[in-house]
Protein backbone atom coordinates (compact mmCIF):
# COMPACT_ATOMS: atom_id res chain seq x y z
CA MET A 1 98.13 110.85 127.79
CA LEU A 2 98.23 109.49 124.31
CA SER A 3 98.05 105.89 124.28
CA CYS A 4 99.51 104.22 121.15
CA ILE A 5 98.13 100.52 119.86
CA MET A 6 100.62 98.17 118.05
CA LYS A 7 98.78 96.04 115.27
CA ILE A 8 100.62 92.82 114.30
CA LEU A 9 99.70 90.68 111.55
CA VAL A 10 101.12 87.02 111.72
CA ASP A 11 101.08 84.23 109.22
CA ILE A 12 101.00 81.03 110.97
CA LYS A 13 100.15 77.45 110.12
CA ASP A 14 96.43 76.72 110.84
CA SER A 15 97.29 73.80 113.38
CA LYS A 16 99.60 76.30 115.26
CA GLY A 17 97.16 79.43 114.84
CA LEU A 18 94.41 78.25 117.38
CA HIS A 19 96.81 77.60 120.26
CA LEU A 20 98.47 81.00 119.55
CA LEU A 21 95.43 82.61 119.44
CA GLU A 22 94.18 81.25 122.80
CA ILE A 23 97.59 82.16 124.48
CA LEU A 24 96.90 85.66 123.21
CA LYS A 25 93.49 85.95 124.43
CA GLY A 26 94.53 84.75 127.93
CA MET A 27 96.78 88.15 128.06
CA PRO A 28 94.85 90.83 129.64
CA HIS A 29 96.60 93.66 127.62
CA VAL A 30 96.08 91.87 124.33
CA ARG A 31 92.98 91.83 121.95
CA ALA A 32 93.43 89.19 119.44
CA LYS A 33 91.27 87.64 116.87
CA ALA A 34 91.58 85.45 113.65
CA ILE A 35 91.03 87.05 110.00
CA THR A 36 90.17 85.78 106.84
CA ASP A 37 92.88 85.23 104.00
CA PRO A 38 91.47 87.72 102.08
CA LYS A 39 91.39 90.15 104.54
CA ALA A 40 94.86 89.53 105.37
CA ALA A 41 95.77 90.10 101.52
CA ALA A 42 93.67 93.49 101.74
CA ILE A 43 95.55 94.69 104.83
CA GLU A 44 98.77 93.61 102.85
CA GLU A 45 97.83 95.63 99.63
CA VAL A 46 97.10 98.66 101.70
CA ARG A 47 100.14 98.77 103.54
CA GLU A 48 102.00 98.31 100.14
CA ALA A 49 100.04 101.10 98.74
CA VAL A 50 100.85 103.37 101.93
CA GLU A 51 104.59 102.26 101.57
CA GLU A 52 104.74 103.34 97.68
CA LEU A 53 102.85 106.69 98.52
CA LYS A 54 105.47 107.58 100.99
CA MET A 55 108.24 106.70 98.64
CA VAL A 56 106.22 109.01 95.95
CA LEU A 57 106.03 111.96 98.55
CA SER A 58 109.52 111.72 99.63
CA GLY A 59 110.85 111.76 95.88
CA LYS A 60 112.02 108.48 95.76
CA LYS A 61 109.58 106.98 93.28
CA GLN A 62 107.99 108.69 90.48
CA ALA A 63 104.06 108.62 90.43
CA ARG A 64 102.37 107.34 87.22
CA SER A 65 99.76 109.06 85.60
CA ALA A 66 96.05 108.74 85.74
CA ASP A 67 95.71 107.21 82.43
CA ASP A 68 98.38 104.76 82.95
CA PHE A 69 96.60 103.81 85.95
CA LEU A 70 93.44 103.48 84.24
CA ASN A 71 94.74 101.52 81.50
CA GLU A 72 96.13 98.75 83.92
CA LEU A 73 92.75 98.15 85.16
């Protein structure tokens, strides 16, 4: 049987985050851990890149050339 796992990224104030994290850790079917702001930002950038790729592949957005990409760097 195929098992699916859902991952959720939540933005919450530090003062409330530890309490929520403890509640989640107390649930037997949940694995929770805090991540750093840079790691959360990297995850969000990857998610946006995947969404953009999906749009390009479906023809809803035009891809840019490698030269344009390299010039942006």
